[in-house]
N, C-alpha and C. Protein backbone atom coordinates (compact mmCIF):
# COMPACT_ATOMS: atom_id res chain seq x y z
N MET A 1 113.56 107.98 -27.32
CA MET A 1 113.72 109.02 -27.45
C MET A 1 113.31 110.30 -28.59
N SER A 2 112.31 111.31 -27.92
CA SER A 2 112.29 111.85 -28.90
C SER A 2 112.61 112.91 -29.35
N ARG A 3 111.81 113.26 -30.18
CA ARG A 3 111.90 114.31 -32.08
C ARG A 3 113.58 114.92 -31.90
N PHE A 4 112.66 115.78 -30.34
CA PHE A 4 113.07 116.75 -30.19
C PHE A 4 114.18 116.65 -29.61
N ARG A 5 114.46 115.55 -28.18
CA ARG A 5 115.26 115.99 -27.96
C ARG A 5 116.73 115.22 -28.78
N LEU A 6 116.47 114.47 -30.14
CA LEU A 6 117.59 113.88 -30.94
C LEU A 6 117.81 115.18 -31.89
N LYS A 7 116.96 116.26 -32.21
CA LYS A 7 116.99 117.71 -33.19
C LYS A 7 117.73 118.38 -32.03
N ARG A 8 117.50 117.64 -30.28
CA ARG A 8 118.56 119.34 -29.50
C ARG A 8 120.32 117.99 -29.52
N TYR A 9 120.28 117.53 -29.05
CA TYR A 9 121.43 116.45 -29.49
C TYR A 9 122.46 116.97 -30.72
N LEU A 10 121.93 116.46 -32.07
CA LEU A 10 122.45 116.53 -33.30
C LEU A 10 122.89 117.75 -33.84
N PHE A 11 121.70 119.16 -32.53
CA PHE A 11 122.27 120.26 -32.88
C PHE A 11 123.89 121.39 -32.49
N THR A 12 123.31 120.37 -30.68
CA THR A 12 124.49 120.48 -29.93
C THR A 12 125.06 120.57 -30.27
N GLY A 13 125.71 118.55 -30.73
CA GLY A 13 127.03 118.64 -31.89
C GLY A 13 127.45 119.11 -33.06
N LEU A 14 126.88 119.18 -33.46
CA LEU A 14 126.68 119.86 -35.11
C LEU A 14 127.22 121.80 -34.41
N LEU A 15 126.94 122.22 -33.70
CA LEU A 15 127.83 123.41 -32.76
C LEU A 15 129.21 122.77 -32.35
N THR A 16 129.36 121.96 -31.23
CA THR A 16 130.37 122.05 -30.86
C THR A 16 131.73 121.59 -32.01
N PHE A 17 130.71 120.75 -33.25
CA PHE A 17 131.85 120.25 -33.91
C PHE A 17 132.90 121.26 -34.90
N LEU A 18 131.49 122.04 -35.01
CA LEU A 18 131.60 123.26 -36.05
C LEU A 18 132.98 124.16 -35.66
N PRO A 19 133.65 124.61 -35.15
CA PRO A 19 134.62 125.14 -34.88
C PRO A 19 136.38 124.12 -34.66
N LEU A 20 135.26 122.88 -34.35
CA LEU A 20 137.24 122.41 -34.60
C LEU A 20 137.19 121.94 -36.41
N TRP A 21 135.82 122.45 -36.88
CA TRP A 21 136.25 121.82 -38.30
C TRP A 21 136.89 122.91 -38.88
N VAL A 22 136.30 124.17 -38.66
CA VAL A 22 136.73 125.04 -39.32
C VAL A 22 138.54 125.04 -38.68
N THR A 23 138.64 125.03 -37.59
CA THR A 23 139.85 125.20 -37.54
C THR A 23 140.92 124.15 -38.32
N TRP A 24 140.52 122.75 -38.37
CA TRP A 24 140.83 122.26 -39.24
C TRP A 24 141.41 122.48 -39.98
N LEU A 25 140.34 122.76 -41.38
CA LEU A 25 140.27 123.54 -42.27
C LEU A 25 141.33 124.66 -42.43
N VAL A 26 142.02 125.39 -41.24
CA VAL A 26 142.56 125.88 -42.19
C VAL A 26 143.56 126.01 -42.26
N PHE A 27 144.47 124.53 -40.90
CA PHE A 27 145.08 124.67 -40.90
C PHE A 27 146.11 123.50 -41.45
N LYS A 28 144.35 122.83 -42.31
CA LYS A 28 144.99 122.30 -43.17
C LYS A 28 145.56 122.33 -44.73
N PHE A 29 144.54 124.01 -45.01
CA PHE A 29 145.04 124.59 -46.02
C PHE A 29 146.85 125.43 -45.55
N ILE A 30 147.00 125.48 -45.08
CA ILE A 30 148.11 126.12 -44.68
C ILE A 30 149.18 124.84 -44.59
N PHE A 31 148.56 123.41 -44.19
CA PHE A 31 149.51 122.35 -44.23
C PHE A 31 150.35 122.10 -46.03
N ASN A 32 148.83 122.00 -46.61
CA ASN A 32 149.48 121.40 -47.80
C ASN A 32 149.82 122.55 -48.76
N LEU A 33 149.85 123.53 -47.83
CA LEU A 33 150.65 125.04 -48.34
C LEU A 33 151.81 125.10 -48.64
N LEU A 34 152.11 124.50 -47.32
CA LEU A 34 154.00 124.51 -47.13
C LEU A 34 154.49 123.03 -47.73
N ALA A 35 153.17 121.62 -47.60
CA ALA A 35 153.79 121.29 -47.72
C ALA A 35 154.49 121.03 -49.65
N ASP A 36 153.23 121.53 -49.87
CA ASP A 36 153.20 121.97 -51.37
C ASP A 36 154.69 122.65 -52.61
N LEU A 37 155.08 122.94 -51.54
CA LEU A 37 156.48 123.89 -51.44
C LEU A 37 157.74 123.17 -51.50
N GLY A 38 157.70 121.91 -50.19
CA GLY A 38 158.37 121.09 -50.38
C GLY A 38 158.52 119.88 -51.38
N ALA A 39 157.29 119.53 -51.70
CA ALA A 39 157.67 118.10 -52.29
C ALA A 39 157.99 118.44 -53.27
N PRO A 40 158.47 118.64 -54.39
CA PRO A 40 159.10 118.16 -55.23
C PRO A 40 160.89 118.00 -55.58
N LEU A 41 161.43 119.41 -53.94
CA LEU A 41 162.22 118.49 -53.66
C LEU A 41 162.54 117.17 -53.35
N VAL A 42 161.47 116.75 -52.19
CA VAL A 42 161.39 115.55 -51.74
C VAL A 42 161.37 114.74 -52.66
N ALA A 43 160.52 114.76 -53.86
CA ALA A 43 160.44 113.80 -55.30
C ALA A 43 161.80 113.79 -55.98
N GLY A 44 163.05 114.64 -55.64
CA GLY A 44 163.80 113.81 -56.51
C GLY A 44 164.57 113.49 -56.13
N VAL A 45 164.75 113.68 -54.99
CA VAL A 45 166.09 113.37 -53.57
C VAL A 45 165.32 111.59 -54.03
N VAL A 46 163.43 111.49 -53.43
CA VAL A 46 163.98 110.11 -53.38
C VAL A 46 163.91 109.75 -55.10
N ALA A 47 163.51 109.88 -55.81
CA ALA A 47 164.14 109.32 -57.92
C ALA A 47 165.98 109.42 -57.27
N ALA A 48 166.76 109.96 -56.41
CA ALA A 48 167.98 110.24 -57.28
C ALA A 48 168.32 108.88 -55.90
N LEU A 49 167.84 108.68 -54.64
CA LEU A 49 167.94 107.91 -54.14
C LEU A 49 167.65 106.38 -54.51
N ASN A 50 166.64 106.37 -55.17
CA ASN A 50 166.21 105.16 -56.23
C ASN A 50 167.56 104.69 -56.47
N LEU A 51 168.70 105.01 -57.37
CA LEU A 51 169.51 104.13 -58.11
C LEU A 51 170.09 103.77 -57.37
N TRP A 52 170.87 104.30 -56.89
CA TRP A 52 171.67 103.31 -55.69
C TRP A 52 170.50 102.31 -53.75
N GLU A 53 169.74 103.21 -53.33
CA GLU A 53 169.10 102.23 -52.21
C GLU A 53 167.69 102.50 -52.60
N PRO A 54 167.19 101.67 -53.59
CA PRO A 54 166.13 100.73 -54.31
C PRO A 54 164.93 100.54 -52.98
N ARG A 55 165.21 99.88 -52.13
CA ARG A 55 164.86 99.23 -51.05
C ARG A 55 164.71 100.39 -49.80
N ILE A 56 165.25 101.76 -49.13
CA ILE A 56 164.97 102.88 -49.28
C ILE A 56 163.32 104.15 -49.41
N ALA A 57 163.87 103.71 -50.67
CA ALA A 57 162.62 104.62 -51.39
C ALA A 57 162.12 104.64 -52.30
N ALA A 58 161.99 102.73 -51.89
CA ALA A 58 160.73 102.82 -52.29
C ALA A 58 159.92 103.14 -50.66
N GLN A 59 160.59 102.86 -49.29
CA GLN A 59 159.93 103.04 -48.85
C GLN A 59 159.34 104.19 -48.01
N LEU A 60 160.48 105.80 -48.88
CA LEU A 60 160.37 107.10 -48.29
C LEU A 60 159.15 107.09 -49.80
N ASN A 61 159.09 106.21 -50.70
CA ASN A 61 157.96 106.62 -52.16
C ASN A 61 156.38 106.37 -51.37
N GLN A 62 156.22 106.97 -50.94
CA GLN A 62 154.67 106.91 -50.29
C GLN A 62 154.63 108.52 -49.85
N SER A 63 152.38 108.46 -50.48
CA SER A 63 152.53 109.92 -50.43
C SER A 63 152.30 110.34 -48.86
N TRP A 64 152.06 109.95 -47.95
CA TRP A 64 151.95 110.30 -46.51
C TRP A 64 153.47 110.78 -45.99
N MET A 65 153.96 109.70 -46.13
CA MET A 65 156.07 110.08 -46.02
C MET A 65 156.53 111.12 -46.64
N ILE A 66 156.64 111.50 -48.45
CA ILE A 66 156.32 112.81 -49.20
C ILE A 66 155.69 113.78 -48.57
N TYR A 67 154.73 113.42 -48.35
CA TYR A 67 153.89 115.11 -47.36
C TYR A 67 154.67 115.16 -46.13
N ALA A 68 155.24 114.38 -45.36
CA ALA A 68 155.59 114.65 -43.87
C ALA A 68 156.87 115.06 -44.29
N LEU A 69 157.60 114.63 -45.50
CA LEU A 69 158.85 115.12 -45.49
C LEU A 69 159.27 116.83 -46.33
N ALA A 70 157.72 116.73 -47.38
CA ALA A 70 158.16 118.36 -47.28
C ALA A 70 157.08 119.62 -46.32
N LEU A 71 156.70 118.71 -45.37
CA LEU A 71 156.12 119.57 -45.19
C LEU A 71 157.36 119.98 -43.65
N LEU A 72 158.19 119.15 -43.45
CA LEU A 72 159.61 118.81 -42.51
C LEU A 72 160.08 119.98 -43.11
N LEU A 73 161.08 119.86 -44.47
CA LEU A 73 161.82 121.05 -44.95
C LEU A 73 161.04 121.96 -45.22
N THR A 74 159.43 122.29 -45.29
CA THR A 74 159.48 123.36 -45.66
C THR A 74 159.60 123.70 -44.12
N LEU A 75 159.36 124.10 -43.55
CA LEU A 75 159.33 124.30 -42.09
C LEU A 75 161.10 124.67 -41.61
N THR A 76 161.53 123.98 -41.91
CA THR A 76 163.11 123.91 -40.94
C THR A 76 163.48 125.19 -42.03
N ALA A 77 163.32 125.24 -43.95
CA ALA A 77 163.90 125.87 -44.83
C ALA A 77 163.14 127.89 -43.96
N LEU A 78 162.04 127.64 -43.68
CA LEU A 78 161.23 128.79 -43.32
C LEU A 78 161.84 129.18 -42.07
N TYR A 79 162.19 128.60 -40.69
CA TYR A 79 163.49 129.07 -39.90
C TYR A 79 164.16 128.82 -39.44
N LEU A 80 164.90 128.65 -41.32
CA LEU A 80 166.84 128.46 -41.06
C LEU A 80 166.81 130.45 -42.31
N ILE A 81 165.77 130.82 -43.33
CA ILE A 81 165.02 131.62 -43.47
C ILE A 81 165.16 133.00 -42.32
N GLY A 82 163.95 132.45 -41.38
CA GLY A 82 163.70 133.95 -40.54
C GLY A 82 165.08 134.01 -39.71
N PHE A 83 165.87 133.35 -38.99
CA PHE A 83 167.26 133.36 -38.96
C PHE A 83 168.30 133.59 -39.38
N LEU A 84 168.50 133.49 -40.44
CA LEU A 84 169.60 134.19 -40.81
C LEU A 84 169.10 135.93 -41.58
N ALA A 85 167.34 135.91 -41.35
CA ALA A 85 167.16 137.00 -42.03
C ALA A 85 168.12 138.64 -40.83
N THR A 86 167.76 137.72 -39.26
CA THR A 86 167.68 138.37 -38.44
C THR A 86 170.05 138.64 -38.14
N ARG A 87 169.79 138.30 -38.75
CA ARG A 87 171.73 138.17 -38.71
C ARG A 87 172.14 139.25 -40.29
N VAL A 88 173.34 140.02 -39.28
CA VAL A 88 173.80 140.99 -40.65
C VAL A 88 174.62 140.01 -41.30
N ILE A 89 174.24 138.92 -41.83
CA ILE A 89 175.29 138.33 -43.70
C ILE A 89 173.92 137.79 -43.79
N GLY A 90 172.99 137.36 -43.06
CA GLY A 90 171.68 137.20 -43.73
C GLY A 90 170.82 137.74 -44.85
N GLN A 91 170.70 139.33 -44.29
CA GLN A 91 170.27 140.48 -44.65
C GLN A 91 170.85 140.78 -45.17
N ARG A 92 172.20 140.19 -45.62
CA ARG A 92 173.02 141.14 -47.16
C ARG A 92 173.11 139.86 -47.93
N LEU A 93 173.07 138.71 -47.89
CA LEU A 93 172.07 137.79 -48.16
C LEU A 93 170.63 138.27 -48.85
N LEU A 94 169.87 138.58 -48.53
CA LEU A 94 168.55 138.57 -48.63
C LEU A 94 168.55 139.73 -49.58
N HIS A 95 169.37 140.77 -49.26
CA HIS A 95 169.42 141.94 -50.00
C HIS A 95 169.78 140.99 -51.29
N ALA A 96 170.67 140.93 -51.67
CA ALA A 96 171.21 139.73 -52.83
C ALA A 96 170.05 139.84 -53.60
N PHE A 97 169.44 139.05 -53.36
CA PHE A 97 167.97 138.16 -53.46
C PHE A 97 167.38 138.71 -53.90
N ASP A 98 166.95 139.81 -53.24
CA ASP A 98 165.71 140.66 -53.48
C ASP A 98 166.72 141.70 -55.16
N THR A 99 167.99 141.90 -54.73
CA THR A 99 168.68 142.95 -56.39
C THR A 99 168.32 142.24 -57.84
N LEU A 100 168.80 140.35 -57.32
CA LEU A 100 168.44 139.67 -58.54
C LEU A 100 167.08 139.87 -58.82
N LEU A 101 166.49 139.79 -58.21
CA LEU A 101 164.28 139.59 -58.53
C LEU A 101 164.13 140.54 -59.00
N GLN A 102 164.84 141.82 -59.33
CA GLN A 102 164.00 143.23 -59.29
C GLN A 102 164.55 143.53 -60.35
N ARG A 103 166.04 142.75 -61.17
CA ARG A 103 166.74 142.68 -62.02
C ARG A 103 165.14 142.00 -63.43
N ILE A 104 164.05 141.25 -62.59
CA ILE A 104 163.13 139.99 -63.70
C ILE A 104 161.60 140.72 -63.87
N PRO A 105 161.60 141.49 -64.64
CA PRO A 105 160.14 142.72 -64.98
C PRO A 105 159.31 141.42 -63.95
N LEU A 106 158.52 140.34 -64.89
CA LEU A 106 157.50 139.84 -63.82
C LEU A 106 157.72 139.72 -62.57
N VAL A 107 158.35 138.75 -62.43
CA VAL A 107 158.68 138.05 -61.54
C VAL A 107 158.67 139.23 -60.30
N GLN A 108 159.64 140.53 -60.69
CA GLN A 108 159.98 141.65 -59.67
C GLN A 108 158.33 142.55 -59.12
N THR A 109 157.34 142.38 -60.11
CA THR A 109 156.18 142.99 -59.79
C THR A 109 155.71 141.66 -58.66
N ILE A 110 155.41 140.50 -58.92
CA ILE A 110 154.62 140.47 -58.15
C ILE A 110 155.38 139.97 -56.60
N TYR A 111 156.50 139.77 -57.06
CA TYR A 111 157.40 139.54 -55.84
C TYR A 111 157.65 141.27 -54.47
N GLY A 112 158.13 141.85 -55.48
CA GLY A 112 158.07 143.25 -54.76
C GLY A 112 156.38 143.75 -54.57
N GLY A 113 155.79 143.55 -54.92
CA GLY A 113 154.32 144.29 -54.49
C GLY A 113 153.57 143.15 -53.23
N THR A 114 154.58 141.85 -53.00
CA THR A 114 153.45 141.11 -52.38
C THR A 114 154.38 141.15 -51.04
N LYS A 115 156.08 142.07 -50.97
CA LYS A 115 156.90 141.86 -50.04
C LYS A 115 156.56 143.37 -49.03
N LYS A 116 156.09 144.45 -50.63
CA LYS A 116 154.93 145.47 -49.81
C LYS A 116 154.38 145.59 -48.85
N LEU A 117 153.26 144.37 -49.41
CA LEU A 117 152.30 143.95 -48.75
C LEU A 117 152.25 143.61 -47.19
N MET A 118 153.52 143.34 -47.45
CA MET A 118 153.75 142.18 -45.74
C MET A 118 154.09 143.24 -45.26
N ALA A 119 155.32 143.69 -45.50
CA ALA A 119 155.96 145.11 -44.79
C ALA A 119 155.25 146.29 -44.42
N VAL A 120 153.53 146.52 -44.94
CA VAL A 120 152.66 146.85 -44.75
C VAL A 120 151.74 147.34 -43.46
N LEU A 121 151.54 145.63 -43.32
CA LEU A 121 150.80 145.35 -43.23
C LEU A 121 151.11 145.01 -41.86
N GLN A 122 152.88 145.37 -41.59
CA GLN A 122 153.84 145.07 -39.68
C GLN A 122 153.47 146.20 -40.13
N LYS A 123 153.14 147.67 -40.54
CA LYS A 123 153.20 148.49 -39.39
C LYS A 123 151.90 149.99 -39.54
N LYS A 124 151.90 150.00 -38.57
CA LYS A 124 150.28 150.86 -38.43
C LYS A 124 150.20 152.09 -39.29
N PRO A 125 148.64 152.37 -40.02
CA PRO A 125 149.69 154.10 -40.95
C PRO A 125 149.66 154.86 -40.14
N SER A 126 150.29 156.56 -40.35
CA SER A 126 150.92 157.20 -39.87
C SER A 126 149.50 158.31 -39.74
N GLY A 127 148.51 158.57 -38.75
CA GLY A 127 147.16 159.21 -39.00
C GLY A 127 145.85 158.12 -39.02
N LEU A 128 146.19 156.84 -39.73
CA LEU A 128 145.09 156.42 -40.10
C LEU A 128 144.86 155.16 -39.51
N GLN A 129 143.66 154.49 -39.40
CA GLN A 129 143.33 152.59 -37.68
C GLN A 129 143.87 152.43 -39.30
N ARG A 130 144.77 150.86 -39.10
CA ARG A 130 144.57 150.12 -39.86
C ARG A 130 143.43 148.88 -40.39
N VAL A 131 142.31 148.98 -39.09
CA VAL A 131 141.79 148.14 -39.05
C VAL A 131 140.50 149.16 -39.22
N VAL A 132 139.63 148.94 -40.43
CA VAL A 132 138.43 149.63 -40.61
C VAL A 132 137.60 149.05 -41.32
N LEU A 133 136.17 149.64 -40.81
CA LEU A 133 134.94 148.73 -41.34
C LEU A 133 134.63 149.78 -42.76
N VAL A 134 133.83 149.47 -43.79
CA VAL A 134 133.90 149.34 -45.07
C VAL A 134 132.64 149.85 -45.64
N ASP A 135 131.43 150.43 -46.12
CA ASP A 135 130.42 149.71 -47.10
C ASP A 135 130.58 149.06 -47.71
N PHE A 136 130.12 147.62 -47.66
CA PHE A 136 130.49 146.82 -48.98
C PHE A 136 129.50 145.60 -49.05
N PRO A 137 129.10 144.51 -49.49
CA PRO A 137 129.01 145.30 -51.29
C PRO A 137 127.58 146.27 -51.32
N ARG A 138 127.40 146.82 -50.28
CA ARG A 138 126.20 147.97 -51.31
C ARG A 138 126.24 149.01 -49.79
N LYS A 139 125.70 150.43 -50.21
CA LYS A 139 125.32 151.27 -48.56
C LYS A 139 124.68 150.08 -47.15
N GLY A 140 125.58 150.70 -45.51
CA GLY A 140 124.46 149.95 -45.21
C GLY A 140 125.00 148.13 -44.81
N MET A 141 125.68 147.84 -45.47
CA MET A 141 126.40 146.92 -44.82
C MET A 141 127.81 147.00 -45.26
N LYS A 142 128.79 146.62 -43.81
CA LYS A 142 129.82 146.35 -43.25
C LYS A 142 130.99 144.93 -43.56
N VAL A 143 132.04 145.50 -44.00
CA VAL A 143 132.91 144.39 -43.81
C VAL A 143 134.39 144.95 -42.82
N VAL A 144 134.81 144.36 -42.91
CA VAL A 144 135.95 144.42 -42.33
C VAL A 144 137.50 145.06 -43.57
N GLY A 145 137.82 145.81 -43.60
CA GLY A 145 139.16 146.42 -44.16
C GLY A 145 140.05 146.53 -43.97
N LEU A 146 141.27 146.17 -44.09
CA LEU A 146 142.50 146.51 -43.77
C LEU A 146 143.04 147.62 -45.46
N VAL A 147 143.10 149.01 -44.12
CA VAL A 147 143.85 149.95 -44.89
C VAL A 147 145.55 149.70 -45.22
N THR A 148 146.13 149.17 -46.56
CA THR A 148 147.29 149.24 -47.60
C THR A 148 148.48 150.71 -47.12
N ARG A 149 147.76 151.60 -47.57
CA ARG A 149 148.51 153.05 -48.39
C ARG A 149 147.19 153.84 -48.20
N VAL A 150 147.68 155.68 -48.48
CA VAL A 150 146.01 156.76 -48.23
C VAL A 150 146.52 157.09 -50.23
N MET A 151 145.84 157.95 -50.77
CA MET A 151 146.41 158.27 -51.82
C MET A 151 145.77 159.57 -51.76
N ILE A 152 146.34 160.60 -52.92
CA ILE A 152 145.59 162.36 -53.28
C ILE A 152 145.19 161.44 -54.43
N GLU A 153 143.64 162.23 -53.96
CA GLU A 153 142.69 161.90 -55.57
C GLU A 153 142.98 163.83 -56.47
N GLU A 154 143.42 163.10 -57.69
CA GLU A 154 143.45 164.13 -58.69
C GLU A 154 142.37 165.31 -59.16
N GLY A 155 142.79 166.46 -58.91
CA GLY A 155 142.04 167.45 -59.00
C GLY A 155 140.51 167.70 -57.67
N THR A 156 140.61 166.40 -56.81
CA THR A 156 139.71 166.90 -56.02
C THR A 156 140.92 166.81 -54.75
N GLY A 157 141.63 166.53 -54.34
CA GLY A 157 142.56 166.79 -53.32
C GLY A 157 141.94 165.94 -51.84
N ARG A 158 140.98 164.91 -52.68
CA ARG A 158 140.29 164.07 -50.98
C ARG A 158 141.56 163.14 -51.06
N GLU A 159 141.87 162.40 -50.38
CA GLU A 159 142.60 161.68 -49.90
C GLU A 159 141.53 159.65 -49.80
N MET A 160 142.07 159.66 -50.34
CA MET A 160 141.39 158.30 -51.52
C MET A 160 142.32 157.17 -51.12
N ALA A 161 141.60 155.51 -49.76
CA ALA A 161 142.38 155.05 -48.92
C ALA A 161 142.53 153.66 -49.69
N ALA A 162 143.59 152.71 -49.92
CA ALA A 162 143.69 151.83 -50.72
C ALA A 162 143.23 150.78 -49.05
N VAL A 163 141.87 149.63 -49.56
CA VAL A 163 141.31 148.68 -48.53
C VAL A 163 141.68 147.69 -49.05
N TYR A 164 142.13 146.65 -48.44
CA TYR A 164 142.17 145.47 -48.17
C TYR A 164 140.32 144.75 -48.01
N ILE A 165 140.01 143.54 -49.01
CA ILE A 165 138.87 142.46 -47.88
C ILE A 165 139.21 142.18 -47.71
N PRO A 166 139.80 140.72 -46.84
CA PRO A 166 139.86 139.77 -46.13
C PRO A 166 138.37 138.99 -46.57
N THR A 167 137.81 137.76 -47.08
CA THR A 167 137.61 136.82 -46.98
C THR A 167 137.59 135.70 -46.50
N THR A 168 135.71 134.95 -45.73
CA THR A 168 135.94 134.24 -44.35
C THR A 168 136.05 133.00 -45.25
N PRO A 169 136.02 132.24 -44.69
CA PRO A 169 137.27 131.84 -43.16
C PRO A 169 138.71 131.84 -43.69
N ASN A 170 138.99 132.18 -45.11
CA ASN A 170 140.64 132.06 -45.71
C ASN A 170 140.85 133.71 -45.66
N PRO A 171 141.47 134.01 -45.46
CA PRO A 171 141.77 135.65 -45.69
C PRO A 171 142.79 135.60 -46.68
N THR A 172 143.43 134.91 -47.50
CA THR A 172 144.06 135.23 -48.31
C THR A 172 143.11 135.29 -49.43
N GLY A 173 142.47 135.42 -49.57
CA GLY A 173 142.14 135.77 -50.04
C GLY A 173 141.22 136.74 -50.26
N GLY A 174 140.84 137.71 -51.04
CA GLY A 174 139.69 138.90 -50.77
C GLY A 174 139.61 140.61 -52.37
N TYR A 175 139.26 141.02 -51.89
CA TYR A 175 138.99 142.46 -52.91
C TYR A 175 140.08 143.53 -52.66
N LEU A 176 140.29 144.19 -53.36
CA LEU A 176 140.95 145.42 -53.14
C LEU A 176 139.88 146.28 -53.65
N GLU A 177 139.83 147.30 -52.60
CA GLU A 177 138.70 149.18 -52.98
C GLU A 177 140.05 150.19 -52.52
N VAL A 178 139.14 151.64 -53.03
CA VAL A 178 140.11 152.21 -53.33
C VAL A 178 138.33 153.31 -52.84
N VAL A 179 138.28 153.78 -51.15
CA VAL A 179 137.45 154.01 -50.62
C VAL A 179 137.65 155.64 -50.42
N PRO A 180 137.10 157.01 -49.87
CA PRO A 180 137.37 158.45 -49.33
C PRO A 180 137.54 158.18 -47.75
N VAL A 181 138.71 158.44 -47.52
CA VAL A 181 138.88 157.91 -45.70
C VAL A 181 137.65 158.42 -45.16
N GLU A 182 136.71 159.55 -45.35
CA GLU A 182 135.84 160.02 -45.01
C GLU A 182 134.88 158.68 -44.65
N GLU A 183 134.08 157.88 -45.66
CA GLU A 183 133.23 156.97 -45.63
C GLU A 183 134.21 156.04 -45.09
N LEU A 184 134.99 155.77 -43.86
CA LEU A 184 136.11 154.87 -43.60
C LEU A 184 135.06 154.63 -42.34
N THR A 185 135.08 153.68 -41.68
CA THR A 185 134.90 153.95 -39.91
C THR A 185 136.32 153.01 -39.64
N PRO A 186 136.54 154.50 -38.32
CA PRO A 186 137.37 153.50 -37.98
C PRO A 186 137.57 152.74 -36.66
N THR A 187 138.20 151.71 -36.90
CA THR A 187 138.33 150.18 -35.28
C THR A 187 139.71 151.44 -34.89
N ASP A 188 139.27 150.12 -33.23
CA ASP A 188 140.80 149.90 -32.15
C ASP A 188 140.93 148.67 -32.48
N TRP A 189 139.99 147.88 -33.12
CA TRP A 189 140.85 147.21 -33.93
C TRP A 189 142.50 146.35 -33.87
N THR A 190 142.82 145.75 -33.12
CA THR A 190 144.08 144.54 -33.68
C THR A 190 144.18 143.66 -35.22
N MET A 191 145.91 143.67 -35.33
CA MET A 191 145.43 142.74 -37.05
C MET A 191 144.64 141.35 -36.49
N ASP A 192 144.94 141.35 -34.85
CA ASP A 192 145.14 139.65 -34.13
C ASP A 192 143.70 139.85 -33.81
N GLN A 193 143.24 141.29 -33.67
CA GLN A 193 141.40 140.28 -33.00
C GLN A 193 140.13 140.85 -34.83
N ALA A 194 140.93 140.95 -35.71
CA ALA A 194 140.81 141.40 -37.27
C ALA A 194 140.77 140.07 -37.95
N MET A 195 141.58 138.90 -38.46
CA MET A 195 141.98 138.25 -38.26
C MET A 195 141.06 136.85 -37.48
N ALA A 196 140.90 137.61 -36.52
CA ALA A 196 140.22 136.03 -35.54
C ALA A 196 138.76 136.26 -35.75
N PHE A 197 137.68 137.41 -36.28
CA PHE A 197 137.19 137.66 -36.80
C PHE A 197 137.18 137.34 -37.50
N ILE A 198 137.56 137.35 -38.77
CA ILE A 198 137.40 137.04 -40.20
C ILE A 198 137.39 135.46 -39.33
N ILE A 199 138.02 134.95 -39.84
CA ILE A 199 138.24 133.23 -39.88
C ILE A 199 137.43 132.68 -38.64
N SER A 200 136.21 133.78 -37.79
CA SER A 200 135.40 132.63 -36.85
C SER A 200 134.30 133.34 -38.03
N GLY A 201 133.99 134.11 -39.18
CA GLY A 201 133.08 133.93 -39.08
C GLY A 201 131.43 135.08 -38.76
N GLY A 202 132.51 136.02 -37.73
CA GLY A 202 132.56 137.21 -36.59
C GLY A 202 132.27 136.72 -35.33
N ALA A 203 132.04 135.38 -34.78
CA ALA A 203 131.15 134.57 -33.61
C ALA A 203 132.73 135.11 -32.88
N VAL A 204 134.21 135.68 -33.54
CA VAL A 204 135.30 135.81 -32.08
C VAL A 204 134.96 137.15 -32.58
N ALA A 205 134.33 138.05 -31.68
CA ALA A 205 134.09 139.68 -31.58
C ALA A 205 134.25 140.43 -30.91
N PRO A 206 134.19 141.45 -30.72
CA PRO A 206 133.73 141.96 -29.77
C PRO A 206 132.34 142.62 -29.11
N GLU A 207 132.10 143.04 -28.68
CA GLU A 207 130.69 143.24 -28.25
C GLU A 207 130.23 144.69 -29.24
N THR A 208 130.49 145.47 -29.55
CA THR A 208 130.11 146.73 -29.29
C THR A 208 131.29 146.96 -31.29
N LEU A 209 129.88 147.82 -32.16
CA LEU A 209 131.14 147.81 -33.45
C LEU A 209 131.10 149.61 -33.02
N PRO A 210 132.48 150.70 -33.46
CA PRO A 210 132.19 151.87 -33.87
C PRO A 210 131.01 152.30 -34.89
N ALA A 211 130.51 153.74 -34.78
CA ALA A 211 129.41 153.83 -35.61
C ALA A 211 130.42 154.78 -36.14
N PRO A 212 129.76 155.03 -37.73
CA PRO A 212 130.28 155.84 -38.53
C PRO A 212 130.84 156.60 -38.59
N PRO A 213 131.64 158.00 -39.22
CA PRO A 213 131.92 159.21 -38.91
C PRO A 213 131.14 159.98 -38.69
N GLY A 214 130.88 160.69 -37.95
CA GLY A 214 129.75 161.69 -38.16
C GLY A 214 127.71 161.15 -37.75
N THR A 215 128.25 160.07 -37.37
CA THR A 215 126.88 159.54 -36.50
C THR A 215 125.99 159.65 -36.01
N LEU A 216 126.58 160.10 -34.48
CA LEU A 216 126.16 160.89 -33.62
C LEU A 216 126.15 162.31 -33.29
N SER A 217 127.20 162.91 -33.87
CA SER A 217 126.79 164.23 -34.42
C SER A 217 125.47 164.47 -35.17
N ALA A 218 125.48 164.09 -36.03
CA ALA A 218 123.88 164.16 -36.61
C ALA A 218 122.93 163.62 -36.10
N GLN A 219 122.64 163.68 -35.33
CA GLN A 219 121.52 163.15 -34.46
C GLN A 219 120.96 164.01 -33.74
N THR A 220 119.49 164.91 -33.22
CA THR A 220 118.94 165.69 -32.65
C THR A 220 119.05 165.08 -31.55
N PRO A 221 118.60 165.87 -30.40
CA PRO A 221 117.15 165.75 -29.74
C PRO A 221 116.50 165.01 -29.36
N GLY A 222 115.67 165.16 -30.39
CA GLY A 222 114.54 164.57 -30.94
C GLY A 222 114.49 162.73 -31.32
N ASP A 223 115.73 162.87 -31.56
CA ASP A 223 116.68 161.15 -32.12
C ASP A 223 116.28 160.82 -30.74
N HIS A 224 116.55 160.65 -29.47
CA HIS A 224 116.39 160.10 -28.41
C HIS A 224 115.38 159.74 -27.80
N ALA A 225 114.35 161.07 -28.36
CA ALA A 225 112.72 161.27 -27.34
C ALA A 225 112.02 159.16 -27.59
């Protein structure tokens, strides 16, 4: 086998494997996060079970078993929360829980801010596209941003948009910028398209990108010569 074929096959294998690897990393991150939520409760149940059924507790007290049970427990809890949230009695319970958390200063700030962000991202802002392109980290370089709200700047009256800029391939981390609305490049992308673009590192993307506002109108006939 020639060196050229060896390099080509290795490169082709890498390109074939890379999407699977990135997908696995994303799902691993999500699964680990969910399992970590249920792990303390499962560990407590195993410790309590050890007092009455040591043999069963010994079988359950394995890392992979605790991981699987914790993941299953968290998924079940999320399903029940979603089920209750669609019922009147569940909505009342969640409202009472929200009211309780609002009385705890630090917890209310974190919980309330996160809840508002999730609610905002589920709705399209009036008069402004949710998914935009922003000059970052310098002019001429573009990143995908999500508009969370629009504010008015004191003194100038300019509209300023709060834009969350997710990172690749993990969109749960990112940056927050306050950008003048006129400097945003609106897109017709949906949230799903934006997330696919970010997680895939740009591999899943439309064929064209929107031009910044005023770019086409600023061109003169001589520019097309």
